[in-house]
Each structure stands twice: as C-alpha cells, then as structure tokens.
Amino acid sequence: MNITKRKPFSPGEILVEEFLEPLNLTHAQLASLIKIPQSIMNDIINNRHEINSDIAIRLGKVFGTSAEVWLNLQMKWNLWHDLYESKNPSEYESIKRFEFGHEKLALSPSFLI
C-alpha cells in the first residue's frame, strides 16, 4: 500500500461528503438504516469511532459497496496517523530490515499482497 505524506480524508468525511449529503440522509437516518446507535454513527462521522468489520458490512449493504471499501478507508486513515501523527515515528525509523543472508525467505503469495 502506498501511503503518502498528504493526510487522507477520514472515513467519516467520505461518508458525509460522498454519501450522506448527495443522498440527503442525516446521521440519524443512516444509523437507523444500518441498525446501529445514533451515538456511534455520530462518533464515526466525527472520527471518534472506527469503522470495524460489522459496521463495514452494514455500510456496504446499505450503499451497495463492499465491506472492504470501508475497511480500507479506515486502515489507510489509521496507518497514516500511526506513521505521521503518532508518538512512534522515530521508533519506526529505528527499526532495521532483517537481513536473511544468502537464503531467501520463501513467502507464500498471500504475504506478498
């Protein structure tokens, strides 16, 4: 995954700008449609609650997208924040790649995705 230094849009921002506003839906209406508490929906929109797999499935069902779309948005948001706004960037920089020597590590194709 390519993570740029430009801050990505949060899942909540995308939810509002690309779905709620064009469809004239309120936070409360969406919460009702996907059967979650309105407080959780407000927290997602305000970046205080993550989109987990359960909510991703629900959003995918209501908007005709895959759950993966929502999980990927959340993952990209989390990864960017960990890399650029966390307390650990210098710690991440200090981690060196393990050298395998002459033997190559045989990874199954699923690890290379």
N, C-alpha and C. Protein backbone atom coordinates (compact mmCIF):
# COMPACT_ATOMS: atom_id res chain seq x y z
N MET A 1 0.84 -1.17 0.00
CA MET A 1 0.00 0.00 0.00
C MET A 1 0.89 1.24 0.00
N ASN A 2 0.54 2.17 -0.81
CA ASN A 2 1.30 3.40 -0.92
C ASN A 2 0.68 4.45 0.00
N ILE A 3 1.43 4.86 1.02
CA ILE A 3 0.95 5.88 1.95
C ILE A 3 1.70 7.18 1.67
N THR A 4 0.98 8.21 1.31
CA THR A 4 1.61 9.49 1.02
C THR A 4 1.68 10.33 2.29
N LYS A 5 2.42 11.42 2.22
CA LYS A 5 2.50 12.32 3.37
C LYS A 5 1.28 13.23 3.46
N ARG A 6 0.48 13.24 2.41
CA ARG A 6 -0.75 14.04 2.43
C ARG A 6 -1.78 13.32 3.29
N LYS A 7 -2.34 14.05 4.22
CA LYS A 7 -3.33 13.46 5.12
C LYS A 7 -4.55 12.99 4.32
N PRO A 8 -4.95 11.74 4.49
CA PRO A 8 -6.12 11.25 3.75
C PRO A 8 -7.42 11.78 4.36
N PHE A 9 -8.47 11.70 3.59
CA PHE A 9 -9.78 12.02 4.13
C PHE A 9 -10.16 10.92 5.10
N SER A 10 -10.82 11.29 6.16
CA SER A 10 -11.25 10.29 7.13
C SER A 10 -12.45 9.53 6.58
N PRO A 11 -12.68 8.32 7.08
CA PRO A 11 -13.87 7.59 6.66
C PRO A 11 -15.15 8.39 6.93
N GLY A 12 -15.17 9.12 8.04
CA GLY A 12 -16.35 9.93 8.35
C GLY A 12 -16.57 11.04 7.35
N GLU A 13 -15.48 11.69 6.91
CA GLU A 13 -15.60 12.74 5.90
C GLU A 13 -16.13 12.18 4.58
N ILE A 14 -15.62 11.04 4.20
CA ILE A 14 -16.07 10.40 2.95
C ILE A 14 -17.54 10.00 3.07
N LEU A 15 -17.89 9.46 4.20
CA LEU A 15 -19.28 9.07 4.43
C LEU A 15 -20.22 10.26 4.27
N VAL A 16 -19.86 11.39 4.85
CA VAL A 16 -20.70 12.59 4.76
C VAL A 16 -20.70 13.16 3.35
N GLU A 17 -19.51 13.41 2.80
CA GLU A 17 -19.42 14.14 1.53
C GLU A 17 -19.83 13.32 0.31
N GLU A 18 -19.57 12.03 0.34
CA GLU A 18 -19.84 11.21 -0.84
C GLU A 18 -21.16 10.42 -0.76
N PHE A 19 -21.71 10.31 0.45
CA PHE A 19 -22.93 9.51 0.60
C PHE A 19 -24.07 10.28 1.26
N LEU A 20 -23.86 10.78 2.46
CA LEU A 20 -24.97 11.41 3.18
C LEU A 20 -25.47 12.67 2.49
N GLU A 21 -24.56 13.58 2.18
CA GLU A 21 -25.00 14.84 1.55
C GLU A 21 -25.67 14.63 0.19
N PRO A 22 -25.04 13.86 -0.73
CA PRO A 22 -25.70 13.67 -2.03
C PRO A 22 -27.05 12.95 -1.94
N LEU A 23 -27.19 12.10 -0.93
CA LEU A 23 -28.44 11.34 -0.79
C LEU A 23 -29.43 12.01 0.17
N ASN A 24 -29.06 13.19 0.67
CA ASN A 24 -29.90 13.92 1.63
C ASN A 24 -30.29 13.05 2.83
N LEU A 25 -29.32 12.31 3.34
CA LEU A 25 -29.53 11.49 4.54
C LEU A 25 -28.91 12.17 5.74
N THR A 26 -29.55 12.05 6.88
CA THR A 26 -28.97 12.55 8.12
C THR A 26 -28.20 11.42 8.80
N HIS A 27 -27.40 11.79 9.78
CA HIS A 27 -26.68 10.79 10.57
C HIS A 27 -27.68 9.84 11.22
N ALA A 28 -28.74 10.41 11.73
CA ALA A 28 -29.76 9.60 12.43
C ALA A 28 -30.43 8.63 11.47
N GLN A 29 -30.74 9.09 10.27
CA GLN A 29 -31.38 8.21 9.29
C GLN A 29 -30.46 7.04 8.92
N LEU A 30 -29.18 7.36 8.69
CA LEU A 30 -28.25 6.29 8.34
C LEU A 30 -28.09 5.32 9.50
N ALA A 31 -27.97 5.82 10.70
CA ALA A 31 -27.87 4.94 11.87
C ALA A 31 -29.06 4.00 11.94
N SER A 32 -30.24 4.52 11.68
CA SER A 32 -31.45 3.70 11.68
C SER A 32 -31.42 2.66 10.56
N LEU A 33 -30.99 3.07 9.37
CA LEU A 33 -30.94 2.15 8.23
C LEU A 33 -29.98 0.98 8.46
N ILE A 34 -28.85 1.25 9.11
CA ILE A 34 -27.88 0.17 9.31
C ILE A 34 -27.96 -0.44 10.71
N LYS A 35 -28.95 0.04 11.48
CA LYS A 35 -29.29 -0.56 12.78
C LYS A 35 -28.14 -0.49 13.79
N ILE A 36 -27.59 0.72 13.92
CA ILE A 36 -26.60 0.98 14.97
C ILE A 36 -27.06 2.20 15.76
N PRO A 37 -26.57 2.37 16.98
CA PRO A 37 -26.96 3.55 17.75
C PRO A 37 -26.51 4.84 17.06
N GLN A 38 -27.35 5.86 17.17
CA GLN A 38 -27.04 7.15 16.56
C GLN A 38 -25.75 7.72 17.13
N SER A 39 -25.47 7.47 18.40
CA SER A 39 -24.25 7.99 19.02
C SER A 39 -23.00 7.41 18.35
N ILE A 40 -23.06 6.14 17.95
CA ILE A 40 -21.91 5.53 17.26
C ILE A 40 -21.76 6.15 15.88
N MET A 41 -22.86 6.36 15.18
CA MET A 41 -22.78 6.98 13.87
C MET A 41 -22.18 8.38 13.97
N ASN A 42 -22.60 9.16 14.96
CA ASN A 42 -22.03 10.49 15.15
C ASN A 42 -20.55 10.41 15.46
N ASP A 43 -20.15 9.41 16.25
CA ASP A 43 -18.73 9.25 16.58
C ASP A 43 -17.92 8.86 15.35
N ILE A 44 -18.47 8.04 14.46
CA ILE A 44 -17.78 7.68 13.22
C ILE A 44 -17.57 8.94 12.37
N ILE A 45 -18.62 9.72 12.24
CA ILE A 45 -18.55 10.93 11.43
C ILE A 45 -17.55 11.93 12.00
N ASN A 46 -17.43 11.96 13.31
CA ASN A 46 -16.52 12.89 13.98
C ASN A 46 -15.17 12.25 14.34
N ASN A 47 -14.87 11.11 13.74
CA ASN A 47 -13.59 10.42 13.90
C ASN A 47 -13.27 10.02 15.34
N ARG A 48 -14.31 9.68 16.08
CA ARG A 48 -14.10 9.20 17.45
C ARG A 48 -14.38 7.71 17.57
N HIS A 49 -14.84 7.09 16.48
CA HIS A 49 -15.13 5.65 16.47
C HIS A 49 -14.71 5.11 15.11
N GLU A 50 -14.00 3.99 15.14
CA GLU A 50 -13.55 3.39 13.88
C GLU A 50 -14.64 2.59 13.20
N ILE A 51 -14.51 2.46 11.90
CA ILE A 51 -15.38 1.56 11.15
C ILE A 51 -14.78 0.17 11.29
N ASN A 52 -15.46 -0.68 12.02
CA ASN A 52 -15.00 -2.06 12.19
C ASN A 52 -15.68 -2.94 11.14
N SER A 53 -15.39 -4.23 11.17
CA SER A 53 -15.93 -5.12 10.14
C SER A 53 -17.45 -5.18 10.17
N ASP A 54 -18.05 -5.15 11.35
CA ASP A 54 -19.50 -5.18 11.46
C ASP A 54 -20.13 -3.96 10.80
N ILE A 55 -19.61 -2.79 11.12
CA ILE A 55 -20.15 -1.56 10.54
C ILE A 55 -19.84 -1.51 9.04
N ALA A 56 -18.68 -1.99 8.63
CA ALA A 56 -18.33 -2.01 7.21
C ALA A 56 -19.32 -2.86 6.42
N ILE A 57 -19.71 -4.00 6.97
CA ILE A 57 -20.70 -4.86 6.29
C ILE A 57 -22.01 -4.11 6.15
N ARG A 58 -22.43 -3.47 7.23
CA ARG A 58 -23.70 -2.73 7.22
C ARG A 58 -23.67 -1.57 6.21
N LEU A 59 -22.57 -0.81 6.19
CA LEU A 59 -22.45 0.29 5.23
C LEU A 59 -22.42 -0.24 3.80
N GLY A 60 -21.71 -1.34 3.59
CA GLY A 60 -21.67 -1.95 2.27
C GLY A 60 -23.05 -2.37 1.78
N LYS A 61 -23.82 -2.95 2.69
CA LYS A 61 -25.18 -3.39 2.32
C LYS A 61 -26.06 -2.20 1.94
N VAL A 62 -26.03 -1.15 2.75
CA VAL A 62 -26.94 -0.03 2.51
C VAL A 62 -26.54 0.80 1.29
N PHE A 63 -25.23 0.90 1.01
CA PHE A 63 -24.78 1.73 -0.11
C PHE A 63 -24.39 0.94 -1.35
N GLY A 64 -24.46 -0.39 -1.29
CA GLY A 64 -24.11 -1.19 -2.46
C GLY A 64 -22.63 -1.23 -2.75
N THR A 65 -21.82 -1.11 -1.73
CA THR A 65 -20.37 -1.22 -1.87
C THR A 65 -19.92 -2.49 -1.18
N SER A 66 -18.64 -2.77 -1.25
CA SER A 66 -18.13 -3.90 -0.49
C SER A 66 -17.75 -3.43 0.91
N ALA A 67 -17.73 -4.34 1.83
CA ALA A 67 -17.25 -4.03 3.19
C ALA A 67 -15.78 -3.61 3.14
N GLU A 68 -15.05 -4.18 2.19
CA GLU A 68 -13.63 -3.89 2.07
C GLU A 68 -13.36 -2.41 1.78
N VAL A 69 -14.25 -1.77 1.05
CA VAL A 69 -14.10 -0.34 0.77
C VAL A 69 -13.99 0.43 2.07
N TRP A 70 -14.89 0.15 3.00
CA TRP A 70 -14.93 0.88 4.26
C TRP A 70 -13.76 0.49 5.16
N LEU A 71 -13.41 -0.78 5.16
CA LEU A 71 -12.28 -1.22 5.97
C LEU A 71 -10.97 -0.65 5.44
N ASN A 72 -10.83 -0.57 4.12
CA ASN A 72 -9.63 0.02 3.53
C ASN A 72 -9.51 1.50 3.84
N LEU A 73 -10.62 2.22 3.79
CA LEU A 73 -10.60 3.64 4.16
C LEU A 73 -10.13 3.80 5.60
N GLN A 74 -10.66 2.97 6.49
CA GLN A 74 -10.28 3.05 7.90
C GLN A 74 -8.82 2.67 8.10
N MET A 75 -8.37 1.62 7.40
CA MET A 75 -6.99 1.17 7.54
C MET A 75 -6.02 2.24 7.05
N LYS A 76 -6.33 2.86 5.92
CA LYS A 76 -5.45 3.91 5.38
C LYS A 76 -5.37 5.09 6.34
N TRP A 77 -6.51 5.46 6.92
CA TRP A 77 -6.57 6.54 7.89
C TRP A 77 -5.71 6.20 9.12
N ASN A 78 -5.89 4.99 9.65
CA ASN A 78 -5.13 4.56 10.83
C ASN A 78 -3.64 4.51 10.54
N LEU A 79 -3.27 3.94 9.41
CA LEU A 79 -1.86 3.81 9.06
C LEU A 79 -1.21 5.18 8.91
N TRP A 80 -1.88 6.09 8.22
CA TRP A 80 -1.32 7.43 8.05
C TRP A 80 -1.09 8.09 9.42
N HIS A 81 -2.09 7.98 10.30
CA HIS A 81 -1.95 8.60 11.62
C HIS A 81 -0.82 7.95 12.43
N ASP A 82 -0.70 6.65 12.34
CA ASP A 82 0.40 5.98 13.06
C ASP A 82 1.76 6.41 12.52
N LEU A 83 1.87 6.57 11.20
CA LEU A 83 3.14 6.94 10.60
C LEU A 83 3.50 8.41 10.80
N TYR A 84 2.51 9.30 10.78
CA TYR A 84 2.82 10.72 10.75
C TYR A 84 2.34 11.53 11.96
N GLU A 85 1.43 11.01 12.74
CA GLU A 85 0.94 11.80 13.87
C GLU A 85 1.01 11.07 15.21
N SER A 86 1.61 9.91 15.23
CA SER A 86 1.70 9.16 16.49
C SER A 86 2.93 9.58 17.27
N LYS A 87 3.09 8.98 18.42
CA LYS A 87 4.26 9.24 19.25
C LYS A 87 5.44 8.36 18.84
N ASN A 88 5.25 7.48 17.84
CA ASN A 88 6.26 6.49 17.50
C ASN A 88 7.04 6.68 16.21
N PRO A 89 6.94 7.78 15.45
CA PRO A 89 7.63 7.82 14.16
C PRO A 89 9.13 7.58 14.26
N SER A 90 9.77 8.13 15.25
CA SER A 90 11.22 7.91 15.37
C SER A 90 11.52 6.45 15.73
N GLU A 91 10.64 5.85 16.49
CA GLU A 91 10.83 4.43 16.81
C GLU A 91 10.70 3.58 15.56
N TYR A 92 9.72 3.91 14.70
CA TYR A 92 9.56 3.18 13.45
C TYR A 92 10.81 3.31 12.59
N GLU A 93 11.36 4.53 12.53
CA GLU A 93 12.55 4.78 11.72
C GLU A 93 13.75 3.99 12.22
N SER A 94 13.79 3.70 13.50
CA SER A 94 14.95 2.99 14.07
C SER A 94 14.91 1.49 13.82
N ILE A 95 13.79 0.97 13.33
CA ILE A 95 13.68 -0.46 13.06
C ILE A 95 14.36 -0.76 11.73
N LYS A 96 15.32 -1.67 11.78
CA LYS A 96 16.09 -2.02 10.58
C LYS A 96 15.56 -3.33 10.00
N ARG A 97 15.63 -3.42 8.69
CA ARG A 97 15.20 -4.62 8.00
C ARG A 97 16.13 -5.77 8.35
N PHE A 98 15.56 -6.93 8.60
CA PHE A 98 16.33 -8.12 8.90
C PHE A 98 16.98 -8.64 7.62
N GLU A 99 18.26 -8.90 7.68
CA GLU A 99 18.98 -9.43 6.53
C GLU A 99 19.02 -10.95 6.63
N PHE A 100 18.57 -11.61 5.59
CA PHE A 100 18.48 -13.06 5.57
C PHE A 100 19.75 -13.73 5.07
N GLY A 101 20.71 -12.97 4.66
CA GLY A 101 21.94 -13.56 4.16
C GLY A 101 21.74 -14.15 2.78
N HIS A 102 22.34 -15.31 2.54
CA HIS A 102 22.27 -15.94 1.21
C HIS A 102 20.94 -16.63 0.97
N GLU A 103 20.28 -17.02 2.04
CA GLU A 103 18.99 -17.70 1.87
C GLU A 103 17.89 -16.66 1.72
N LYS A 104 17.02 -16.93 0.81
CA LYS A 104 15.88 -16.04 0.62
C LYS A 104 14.71 -16.58 1.41
N LEU A 105 13.96 -15.69 1.97
CA LEU A 105 12.77 -16.07 2.71
C LEU A 105 11.69 -16.48 1.70
N ALA A 106 11.17 -17.66 1.85
CA ALA A 106 10.12 -18.14 0.95
C ALA A 106 8.78 -17.80 1.55
N LEU A 107 8.17 -16.74 1.01
CA LEU A 107 6.86 -16.33 1.48
C LEU A 107 5.79 -16.86 0.53
N SER A 108 4.70 -17.25 1.12
CA SER A 108 3.61 -17.67 0.25
C SER A 108 3.03 -16.43 -0.42
N PRO A 109 2.39 -16.59 -1.56
CA PRO A 109 1.84 -15.43 -2.30
C PRO A 109 0.92 -14.55 -1.46
N SER A 110 0.23 -15.12 -0.48
CA SER A 110 -0.70 -14.32 0.33
C SER A 110 0.04 -13.27 1.16
N PHE A 111 1.31 -13.48 1.48
CA PHE A 111 2.07 -12.50 2.24
C PHE A 111 2.58 -11.37 1.37
N LEU A 112 2.54 -11.54 0.09
CA LEU A 112 3.11 -10.56 -0.82
C LEU A 112 2.08 -9.54 -1.31
N ILE A 113 0.87 -9.66 -0.85
CA ILE A 113 -0.20 -8.75 -1.30
C ILE A 113 -0.04 -7.42 -0.65
